């Protein structure tokens, strides 16, 4: 499965929940792995995920720009087949 115009290649399913699922993806240009949260195509979930994007972007840029406080790093977000997708650094499952 390819996401975002062949940029992300889904390699594994990491988990799922009420809002959607999380996939381990390979970024084709850099050969690095990320976690991509794929939000279910429902208006309430979409709006809540946009709030999550906004909060995490603010936390990353304003409150932890040097990545010293262990806040998950949001890398990208995009819409793919009407699903909001959020790309994060890939962390271990116990985090």
PDB file of N, CA and C in Angstrom:
ATOM      1  N   UNK A   1       0.843  -1.190   0.000  1.00  0.00           N
ATOM      2  CA  UNK A   1       0.000   0.000   0.000  1.00  0.00           C
ATOM      3  C   UNK A   1       0.880   1.242   0.000  1.00  0.00           C
ATOM      4  N   UNK A   2       0.577   2.186  -0.848  1.00  0.00           N
ATOM      5  CA  UNK A   2       1.348   3.415  -0.938  1.00  0.00           C
ATOM      6  C   UNK A   2       0.490   4.583  -0.470  1.00  0.00           C
ATOM      7  N   UNK A   3       1.095   5.495   0.271  1.00  0.00           N
ATOM      8  CA  UNK A   3       0.410   6.685   0.744  1.00  0.00           C
ATOM      9  C   UNK A   3       1.092   7.923   0.176  1.00  0.00           C
ATOM     10  N   UNK A   4       0.359   8.997   0.071  1.00  0.00           N
ATOM     11  CA  UNK A   4       0.881  10.310  -0.293  1.00  0.00           C
ATOM     12  C   UNK A   4       1.751  10.278  -1.542  1.00  0.00           C
ATOM     13  N   UNK A   5       1.141   9.871  -2.652  1.00  0.00           N
ATOM     14  CA  UNK A   5       1.804   9.904  -3.946  1.00  0.00           C
ATOM     15  C   UNK A   5       3.133   9.146  -3.935  1.00  0.00           C
ATOM     16  N   UNK A   6       3.134   7.965  -3.412  1.00  0.00           N
ATOM     17  CA  UNK A   6       4.293   7.066  -3.388  1.00  0.00           C
ATOM     18  C   UNK A   6       5.395   7.489  -2.418  1.00  0.00           C
ATOM     19  N   UNK A   7       5.170   8.489  -1.602  1.00  0.00           N
ATOM     20  CA  UNK A   7       6.202   8.903  -0.656  1.00  0.00           C
ATOM     21  C   UNK A   7       6.311   7.915   0.495  1.00  0.00           C
ATOM     22  N   UNK A   8       5.182   7.473   1.014  1.00  0.00           N
ATOM     23  CA  UNK A   8       5.150   6.554   2.143  1.00  0.00           C
ATOM     24  C   UNK A   8       4.762   5.158   1.665  1.00  0.00           C
ATOM     25  N   UNK A   9       5.516   4.174   2.065  1.00  0.00           N
ATOM     26  CA  UNK A   9       5.207   2.785   1.727  1.00  0.00           C
ATOM     27  C   UNK A   9       4.892   2.063   3.027  1.00  0.00           C
ATOM     28  N   UNK A  10       3.667   1.559   3.159  1.00  0.00           N
ATOM     29  CA  UNK A  10       3.240   0.880   4.376  1.00  0.00           C
ATOM     30  C   UNK A  10       3.953  -0.465   4.466  1.00  0.00           C
ATOM     31  N   UNK A  11       4.629  -0.684   5.601  1.00  0.00           N
ATOM     32  CA  UNK A  11       5.374  -1.921   5.815  1.00  0.00           C
ATOM     33  C   UNK A  11       4.725  -2.830   6.850  1.00  0.00           C
ATOM     34  N   UNK A  12       3.984  -2.247   7.809  1.00  0.00           N
ATOM     35  CA  UNK A  12       3.408  -3.045   8.882  1.00  0.00           C
ATOM     36  C   UNK A  12       2.311  -2.243   9.564  1.00  0.00           C
ATOM     37  N   UNK A  13       1.367  -2.925  10.168  1.00  0.00           N
ATOM     38  CA  UNK A  13       0.339  -2.291  10.978  1.00  0.00           C
ATOM     39  C   UNK A  13       0.798  -2.346  12.429  1.00  0.00           C
ATOM     40  N   UNK A  14       0.884  -1.186  13.064  1.00  0.00           N
ATOM     41  CA  UNK A  14       1.369  -1.118  14.444  1.00  0.00           C
ATOM     42  C   UNK A  14       0.246  -1.189  15.467  1.00  0.00           C
ATOM     43  N   UNK A  15      -0.942  -0.762  15.089  1.00  0.00           N
ATOM     44  CA  UNK A  15      -2.061  -0.804  16.024  1.00  0.00           C
ATOM     45  C   UNK A  15      -3.283  -0.121  15.443  1.00  0.00           C
ATOM     46  N   UNK A  16      -4.389  -0.250  16.166  1.00  0.00           N
ATOM     47  CA  UNK A  16      -5.623   0.398  15.726  1.00  0.00           C
ATOM     48  C   UNK A  16      -6.454   0.755  16.953  1.00  0.00           C
ATOM     49  N   UNK A  17      -7.367   1.669  16.749  1.00  0.00           N
ATOM     50  CA  UNK A  17      -8.221   2.123  17.838  1.00  0.00           C
ATOM     51  C   UNK A  17      -9.463   2.797  17.302  1.00  0.00           C
ATOM     52  N   UNK A  18     -10.117   3.553  18.154  1.00  0.00           N
ATOM     53  CA  UNK A  18     -11.372   4.206  17.804  1.00  0.00           C
ATOM     54  C   UNK A  18     -11.216   5.178  16.640  1.00  0.00           C
ATOM     55  N   UNK A  19     -10.124   5.950  16.622  1.00  0.00           N
ATOM     56  CA  UNK A  19      -9.958   6.991  15.618  1.00  0.00           C
ATOM     57  C   UNK A  19      -9.393   6.478  14.305  1.00  0.00           C
ATOM     58  N   UNK A  20      -8.763   5.317  14.304  1.00  0.00           N
ATOM     59  CA  UNK A  20      -8.169   4.804  13.081  1.00  0.00           C
ATOM     60  C   UNK A  20      -7.094   3.782  13.382  1.00  0.00           C
ATOM     61  N   UNK A  21      -6.032   3.802  12.577  1.00  0.00           N
ATOM     62  CA  UNK A  21      -4.950   2.848  12.775  1.00  0.00           C
ATOM     63  C   UNK A  21      -3.606   3.531  12.560  1.00  0.00           C
ATOM     64  N   UNK A  22      -2.554   2.860  13.029  1.00  0.00           N
ATOM     65  CA  UNK A  22      -1.198   3.384  12.882  1.00  0.00           C
ATOM     66  C   UNK A  22      -0.381   2.361  12.108  1.00  0.00           C
ATOM     67  N   UNK A  23       0.314   2.855  11.081  1.00  0.00           N
ATOM     68  CA  UNK A  23       1.132   1.995  10.238  1.00  0.00           C
ATOM     69  C   UNK A  23       2.595   2.395  10.324  1.00  0.00           C
ATOM     70  N   UNK A  24       3.456   1.405  10.254  1.00  0.00           N
ATOM     71  CA  UNK A  24       4.888   1.651  10.109  1.00  0.00           C
ATOM     72  C   UNK A  24       5.139   1.836   8.624  1.00  0.00           C
ATOM     73  N   UNK A  25       5.690   2.977   8.252  1.00  0.00           N
ATOM     74  CA  UNK A  25       5.874   3.297   6.844  1.00  0.00           C
ATOM     75  C   UNK A  25       7.322   3.654   6.547  1.00  0.00           C
ATOM     76  N   UNK A  26       7.731   3.320   5.348  1.00  0.00           N
ATOM     77  CA  UNK A  26       9.046   3.678   4.838  1.00  0.00           C
ATOM     78  C   UNK A  26       8.890   4.923   3.971  1.00  0.00           C
ATOM     79  N   UNK A  27       9.720   5.929   4.214  1.00  0.00           N
ATOM     80  CA  UNK A  27       9.735   7.104   3.343  1.00  0.00           C
ATOM     81  C   UNK A  27      10.668   6.772   2.186  1.00  0.00           C
ATOM     82  N   UNK A  28      10.136   6.734   1.000  1.00  0.00           N
ATOM     83  CA  UNK A  28      10.896   6.251  -0.153  1.00  0.00           C
ATOM     84  C   UNK A  28      12.129   7.102  -0.457  1.00  0.00           C
ATOM     85  N   UNK A  29      12.058   8.428  -0.269  1.00  0.00           N
ATOM     86  CA  UNK A  29      13.188   9.293  -0.621  1.00  0.00           C
ATOM     87  C   UNK A  29      14.373   9.148   0.329  1.00  0.00           C
ATOM     88  N   UNK A  30      14.091   8.865   1.606  1.00  0.00           N
ATOM     89  CA  UNK A  30      15.160   8.858   2.613  1.00  0.00           C
ATOM     90  C   UNK A  30      15.465   7.472   3.162  1.00  0.00           C
ATOM     91  N   UNK A  31      14.647   6.496   2.830  1.00  0.00           N
ATOM     92  CA  UNK A  31      14.774   5.132   3.363  1.00  0.00           C
ATOM     93  C   UNK A  31      14.713   5.106   4.890  1.00  0.00           C
ATOM     94  N   UNK A  32      13.948   6.019   5.470  1.00  0.00           N
ATOM     95  CA  UNK A  32      13.761   6.034   6.923  1.00  0.00           C
ATOM     96  C   UNK A  32      12.323   5.634   7.246  1.00  0.00           C
ATOM     97  N   UNK A  33      12.137   5.137   8.475  1.00  0.00           N
ATOM     98  CA  UNK A  33      10.821   4.679   8.912  1.00  0.00           C
ATOM     99  C   UNK A  33      10.143   5.719   9.785  1.00  0.00           C
ATOM    100  N   UNK A  34       8.824   5.794   9.660  1.00  0.00           N
ATOM    101  CA  UNK A  34       7.991   6.684  10.465  1.00  0.00           C
ATOM    102  C   UNK A  34       6.721   5.929  10.855  1.00  0.00           C
ATOM    103  N   UNK A  35       6.007   6.475  11.811  1.00  0.00           N
ATOM    104  CA  UNK A  35       4.676   5.973  12.156  1.00  0.00           C
ATOM    105  C   UNK A  35       3.659   6.921  11.539  1.00  0.00           C
ATOM    106  N   UNK A  36       2.686   6.386  10.829  1.00  0.00           N
ATOM    107  CA  UNK A  36       1.646   7.213  10.223  1.00  0.00           C
ATOM    108  C   UNK A  36       0.302   6.819  10.826  1.00  0.00           C
ATOM    109  N   UNK A  37      -0.312   7.790  11.492  1.00  0.00           N
ATOM    110  CA  UNK A  37      -1.645   7.592  12.055  1.00  0.00           C
ATOM    111  C   UNK A  37      -2.653   7.932  10.966  1.00  0.00           C
ATOM    112  N   UNK A  38      -3.496   6.974  10.622  1.00  0.00           N
ATOM    113  CA  UNK A  38      -4.490   7.141   9.565  1.00  0.00           C
ATOM    114  C   UNK A  38      -5.855   7.262  10.239  1.00  0.00           C
ATOM    115  N   UNK A  39      -6.429   8.440  10.163  1.00  0.00           N
ATOM    116  CA  UNK A  39      -7.688   8.743  10.855  1.00  0.00           C
ATOM    117  C   UNK A  39      -8.866   8.286  10.008  1.00  0.00           C
ATOM    118  N   UNK A  40      -9.854   7.670  10.663  1.00  0.00           N
ATOM    119  CA  UNK A  40     -11.068   7.258   9.955  1.00  0.00           C
ATOM    120  C   UNK A  40     -11.718   8.455   9.279  1.00  0.00           C
ATOM    121  N   UNK A  41     -12.342   8.210   8.153  1.00  0.00           N
ATOM    122  CA  UNK A  41     -12.975   9.259   7.361  1.00  0.00           C
ATOM    123  C   UNK A  41     -14.338   9.625   7.954  1.00  0.00           C
ATOM    124  N   UNK A  42     -14.293  10.317   9.096  1.00  0.00           N
ATOM    125  CA  UNK A  42     -15.510  10.821   9.732  1.00  0.00           C
ATOM    126  C   UNK A  42     -15.243  12.250  10.186  1.00  0.00           C
ATOM    127  N   UNK A  43     -16.183  13.165   9.963  1.00  0.00           N
ATOM    128  CA  UNK A  43     -15.938  14.584  10.245  1.00  0.00           C
ATOM    129  C   UNK A  43     -15.456  14.877  11.669  1.00  0.00           C
ATOM    130  N   UNK A  44     -16.038  14.264  12.675  1.00  0.00           N
ATOM    131  CA  UNK A  44     -15.631  14.537  14.055  1.00  0.00           C
ATOM    132  C   UNK A  44     -14.191  14.082  14.300  1.00  0.00           C
ATOM    133  N   UNK A  45     -13.819  12.935  13.764  1.00  0.00           N
ATOM    134  CA  UNK A  45     -12.450  12.427  13.926  1.00  0.00           C
ATOM    135  C   UNK A  45     -11.466  13.322  13.176  1.00  0.00           C
ATOM    136  N   UNK A  46     -11.852  13.770  12.007  1.00  0.00           N
ATOM    137  CA  UNK A  46     -11.008  14.650  11.207  1.00  0.00           C
ATOM    138  C   UNK A  46     -10.715  15.941  11.963  1.00  0.00           C
ATOM    139  N   UNK A  47     -11.764  16.558  12.512  1.00  0.00           N
ATOM    140  CA  UNK A  47     -11.599  17.817  13.251  1.00  0.00           C
ATOM    141  C   UNK A  47     -10.719  17.626  14.486  1.00  0.00           C
ATOM    142  N   UNK A  48     -10.927  16.530  15.209  1.00  0.00           N
ATOM    143  CA  UNK A  48     -10.121  16.266  16.394  1.00  0.00           C
ATOM    144  C   UNK A  48      -8.656  16.027  16.009  1.00  0.00           C
ATOM    145  N   UNK A  49      -8.426  15.358  14.901  1.00  0.00           N
ATOM    146  CA  UNK A  49      -7.055  15.110  14.450  1.00  0.00           C
ATOM    147  C   UNK A  49      -6.368  16.414  14.038  1.00  0.00           C
ATOM    148  N   UNK A  50      -7.107  17.353  13.455  1.00  0.00           N
ATOM    149  CA  UNK A  50      -6.527  18.655  13.134  1.00  0.00           C
ATOM    150  C   UNK A  50      -6.119  19.398  14.395  1.00  0.00           C
ATOM    151  N   UNK A  51      -6.895  19.253  15.461  1.00  0.00           N
ATOM    152  CA  UNK A  51      -6.528  19.846  16.752  1.00  0.00           C
ATOM    153  C   UNK A  51      -5.234  19.204  17.259  1.00  0.00           C
ATOM    154  N   UNK A  52      -5.139  17.879  17.139  1.00  0.00           N
ATOM    155  CA  UNK A  52      -3.924  17.164  17.542  1.00  0.00           C
ATOM    156  C   UNK A  52      -2.713  17.678  16.767  1.00  0.00           C
ATOM    157  N   UNK A  53      -2.851  17.850  15.465  1.00  0.00           N
ATOM    158  CA  UNK A  53      -1.765  18.371  14.634  1.00  0.00           C
ATOM    159  C   UNK A  53      -1.338  19.750  15.127  1.00  0.00           C
ATOM    160  N   UNK A  54      -2.301  20.606  15.379  1.00  0.00           N
ATOM    161  CA  UNK A  54      -2.011  21.967  15.829  1.00  0.00           C
ATOM    162  C   UNK A  54      -1.287  21.974  17.176  1.00  0.00           C
ATOM    163  N   UNK A  55      -1.764  21.182  18.111  1.00  0.00           N
ATOM    164  CA  UNK A  55      -1.153  21.132  19.444  1.00  0.00           C
ATOM    165  C   UNK A  55       0.263  20.575  19.372  1.00  0.00           C
ATOM    166  N   UNK A  56       0.443  19.470  18.662  1.00  0.00           N
ATOM    167  CA  UNK A  56       1.774  18.872  18.574  1.00  0.00           C
ATOM    168  C   UNK A  56       2.757  19.775  17.831  1.00  0.00           C
ATOM    169  N   UNK A  57       2.307  20.432  16.785  1.00  0.00           N
ATOM    170  CA  UNK A  57       3.184  21.351  16.060  1.00  0.00           C
ATOM    171  C   UNK A  57       3.622  22.496  16.985  1.00  0.00           C
ATOM    172  N   UNK A  58       2.699  23.018  17.767  1.00  0.00           N
ATOM    173  CA  UNK A  58       3.033  24.083  18.716  1.00  0.00           C
ATOM    174  C   UNK A  58       4.002  23.590  19.788  1.00  0.00           C
ATOM    175  N   UNK A  59       3.733  22.418  20.337  1.00  0.00           N
ATOM    176  CA  UNK A  59       4.629  21.861  21.349  1.00  0.00           C
ATOM    177  C   UNK A  59       6.029  21.638  20.787  1.00  0.00           C
ATOM    178  N   UNK A  60       6.103  21.086  19.584  1.00  0.00           N
ATOM    179  CA  UNK A  60       7.408  20.812  18.958  1.00  0.00           C
ATOM    180  C   UNK A  60       8.179  22.098  18.654  1.00  0.00           C
ATOM    181  N   UNK A  61       7.507  23.079  18.076  1.00  0.00           N
ATOM    182  CA  UNK A  61       8.191  24.286  17.615  1.00  0.00           C
ATOM    183  C   UNK A  61       8.435  25.311  18.713  1.00  0.00           C
ATOM    184  N   UNK A  62       7.429  25.518  19.563  1.00  0.00           N
ATOM    185  CA  UNK A  62       7.521  26.594  20.541  1.00  0.00           C
ATOM    186  C   UNK A  62       8.100  26.145  21.881  1.00  0.00           C
ATOM    187  N   UNK A  63       7.706  24.975  22.343  1.00  0.00           N
ATOM    188  CA  UNK A  63       8.076  24.555  23.688  1.00  0.00           C
ATOM    189  C   UNK A  63       9.199  23.522  23.738  1.00  0.00           C
ATOM    190  N   UNK A  64       9.519  22.907  22.614  1.00  0.00           N
ATOM    191  CA  UNK A  64      10.595  21.916  22.606  1.00  0.00           C
ATOM    192  C   UNK A  64      11.318  21.902  21.257  1.00  0.00           C
ATOM    193  N   UNK A  65      11.811  23.066  20.818  1.00  0.00           N
ATOM    194  CA  UNK A  65      12.438  23.124  19.500  1.00  0.00           C
ATOM    195  C   UNK A  65      13.732  22.313  19.392  1.00  0.00           C
ATOM    196  N   UNK A  66      14.386  22.066  20.502  1.00  0.00           N
ATOM    197  CA  UNK A  66      15.646  21.315  20.491  1.00  0.00           C
ATOM    198  C   UNK A  66      15.452  19.839  20.836  1.00  0.00           C
ATOM    199  N   UNK A  67      14.199  19.419  20.961  1.00  0.00           N
ATOM    200  CA  UNK A  67      13.865  18.010  21.225  1.00  0.00           C
ATOM    201  C   UNK A  67      14.535  17.480  22.495  1.00  0.00           C
ATOM    202  N   UNK A  68      14.404  18.249  23.570  1.00  0.00           N
ATOM    203  CA  UNK A  68      15.011  17.865  24.851  1.00  0.00           C
ATOM    204  C   UNK A  68      13.998  17.337  25.865  1.00  0.00           C
ATOM    205  N   UNK A  69      12.710  17.494  25.592  1.00  0.00           N
ATOM    206  CA  UNK A  69      11.686  17.187  26.602  1.00  0.00           C
ATOM    207  C   UNK A  69      10.854  15.953  26.259  1.00  0.00           C
ATOM    208  N   UNK A  70      11.290  15.163  25.313  1.00  0.00           N
ATOM    209  CA  UNK A  70      10.660  13.874  25.000  1.00  0.00           C
ATOM    210  C   UNK A  70       9.201  14.004  24.560  1.00  0.00           C
ATOM    211  N   UNK A  71       8.923  15.020  23.750  1.00  0.00           N
ATOM    212  CA  UNK A  71       7.596  15.182  23.150  1.00  0.00           C
ATOM    213  C   UNK A  71       7.662  14.573  21.755  1.00  0.00           C
ATOM    214  N   UNK A  72       6.718  13.705  21.435  1.00  0.00           N
ATOM    215  CA  UNK A  72       6.738  13.042  20.124  1.00  0.00           C
ATOM    216  C   UNK A  72       6.805  14.095  19.021  1.00  0.00           C
ATOM    217  N   UNK A  73       7.608  13.816  18.005  1.00  0.00           N
ATOM    218  CA  UNK A  73       7.815  14.762  16.906  1.00  0.00           C
ATOM    219  C   UNK A  73       6.845  14.468  15.774  1.00  0.00           C
ATOM    220  N   UNK A  74       6.045  15.469  15.445  1.00  0.00           N
ATOM    221  CA  UNK A  74       5.178  15.365  14.273  1.00  0.00           C
ATOM    222  C   UNK A  74       6.020  15.797  13.071  1.00  0.00           C
ATOM    223  N   UNK A  75       5.994  15.012  12.021  1.00  0.00           N
ATOM    224  CA  UNK A  75       6.844  15.268  10.858  1.00  0.00           C
ATOM    225  C   UNK A  75       6.081  15.829   9.667  1.00  0.00           C
ATOM    226  N   UNK A  76       4.820  15.402   9.516  1.00  0.00           N
ATOM    227  CA  UNK A  76       4.061  15.767   8.327  1.00  0.00           C
ATOM    228  C   UNK A  76       2.602  15.411   8.581  1.00  0.00           C
ATOM    229  N   UNK A  77       1.714  15.997   7.815  1.00  0.00           N
ATOM    230  CA  UNK A  77       0.318  15.548   7.777  1.00  0.00           C
ATOM    231  C   UNK A  77      -0.232  15.829   6.387  1.00  0.00           C
ATOM    232  N   UNK A  78      -1.184  14.996   5.975  1.00  0.00           N
ATOM    233  CA  UNK A  78      -1.721  15.087   4.624  1.00  0.00           C
ATOM    234  C   UNK A  78      -3.034  14.325   4.575  1.00  0.00           C
ATOM    235  N   UNK A  79      -3.791  14.536   3.514  1.00  0.00           N
ATOM    236  CA  UNK A  79      -5.029  13.804   3.274  1.00  0.00           C
ATOM    237  C   UNK A  79      -4.760  12.803   2.160  1.00  0.00           C
ATOM    238  N   UNK A  80      -5.128  11.548   2.421  1.00  0.00           N
ATOM    239  CA  UNK A  80      -4.971  10.487   1.435  1.00  0.00           C
ATOM    240  C   UNK A  80      -6.281   9.725   1.352  1.00  0.00           C
ATOM    241  N   UNK A  81      -6.888   9.703   0.189  1.00  0.00           N
ATOM    242  CA  UNK A  81      -8.177   9.050  -0.040  1.00  0.00           C
ATOM    243  C   UNK A  81      -9.196   9.434   1.038  1.00  0.00           C
ATOM    244  N   UNK A  82      -9.267  10.738   1.321  1.00  0.00           N
ATOM    245  CA  UNK A  82     -10.213  11.337   2.282  1.00  0.00           C
ATOM    246  C   UNK A  82      -9.950  10.939   3.734  1.00  0.00           C
ATOM    247  N   UNK A  83      -8.765  10.442   4.033  1.00  0.00           N
ATOM    248  CA  UNK A  83      -8.355  10.147   5.408  1.00  0.00           C
ATOM    249  C   UNK A  83      -7.239  11.112   5.773  1.00  0.00           C
ATOM    250  N   UNK A  84      -7.365  11.761   6.935  1.00  0.00           N
ATOM    251  CA  UNK A  84      -6.266  12.578   7.424  1.00  0.00           C
ATOM    252  C   UNK A  84      -5.189  11.644   7.954  1.00  0.00           C
ATOM    253  N   UNK A  85      -3.966  11.857   7.538  1.00  0.00           N
ATOM    254  CA  UNK A  85      -2.832  11.032   7.955  1.00  0.00           C
ATOM    255  C   UNK A  85      -1.809  11.933   8.627  1.00  0.00           C
ATOM    256  N   UNK A  86      -1.279  11.482   9.758  1.00  0.00           N
ATOM    257  CA  UNK A  86      -0.289  12.241  10.507  1.00  0.00           C
ATOM    258  C   UNK A  86       0.959  11.385  10.632  1.00  0.00           C
ATOM    259  N   UNK A  87       2.086  11.939  10.206  1.00  0.00           N
ATOM    260  CA  UNK A  87       3.363  11.233  10.240  1.00  0.00           C
ATOM    261  C   UNK A  87       4.143  11.662  11.483  1.00  0.00           C
ATOM    262  N   UNK A  88       4.622  10.665  12.238  1.00  0.00           N
ATOM    263  CA  UNK A  88       5.382  10.891  13.469  1.00  0.00           C
ATOM    264  C   UNK A  88       6.718  10.160  13.387  1.00  0.00           C
ATOM    265  N   UNK A  89       7.642  10.584  14.244  1.00  0.00           N
ATOM    266  CA  UNK A  89       8.842   9.777  14.412  1.00  0.00           C
ATOM    267  C   UNK A  89       8.399   8.399  14.900  1.00  0.00           C
ATOM    268  N   UNK A  90       9.123   7.388  14.509  1.00  0.00           N
ATOM    269  CA  UNK A  90       8.782   6.026  14.899  1.00  0.00           C
ATOM    270  C   UNK A  90       9.391   5.733  16.272  1.00  0.00           C
ATOM    271  N   UNK A  91       8.538   5.439  17.242  1.00  0.00           N
ATOM    272  CA  UNK A  91       8.968   5.110  18.597  1.00  0.00           C
ATOM    273  C   UNK A  91       8.663   3.651  18.886  1.00  0.00           C
ATOM    274  N   UNK A  92       9.189   3.162  19.988  1.00  0.00           N
ATOM    275  CA  UNK A  92       8.913   1.789  20.398  1.00  0.00           C
ATOM    276  C   UNK A  92       7.475   1.685  20.923  1.00  0.00           C
ATOM    277  N   UNK A  93       6.940   0.498  20.972  1.00  0.00           N
ATOM    278  CA  UNK A  93       5.532   0.306  21.362  1.00  0.00           C
ATOM    279  C   UNK A  93       5.263   0.664  22.819  1.00  0.00           C
ATOM    280  N   UNK A  94       6.260   0.619  23.679  1.00  0.00           N
ATOM    281  CA  UNK A  94       6.005   0.919  25.082  1.00  0.00           C
ATOM    282  C   UNK A  94       6.017   2.424  25.371  1.00  0.00           C
ATOM    283  N   UNK A  95       6.193   3.231  24.353  1.00  0.00           N
ATOM    284  CA  UNK A  95       6.173   4.676  24.525  1.00  0.00           C
ATOM    285  C   UNK A  95       4.849   5.207  24.075  1.00  0.00           C
TER     286      UNK A  95
END
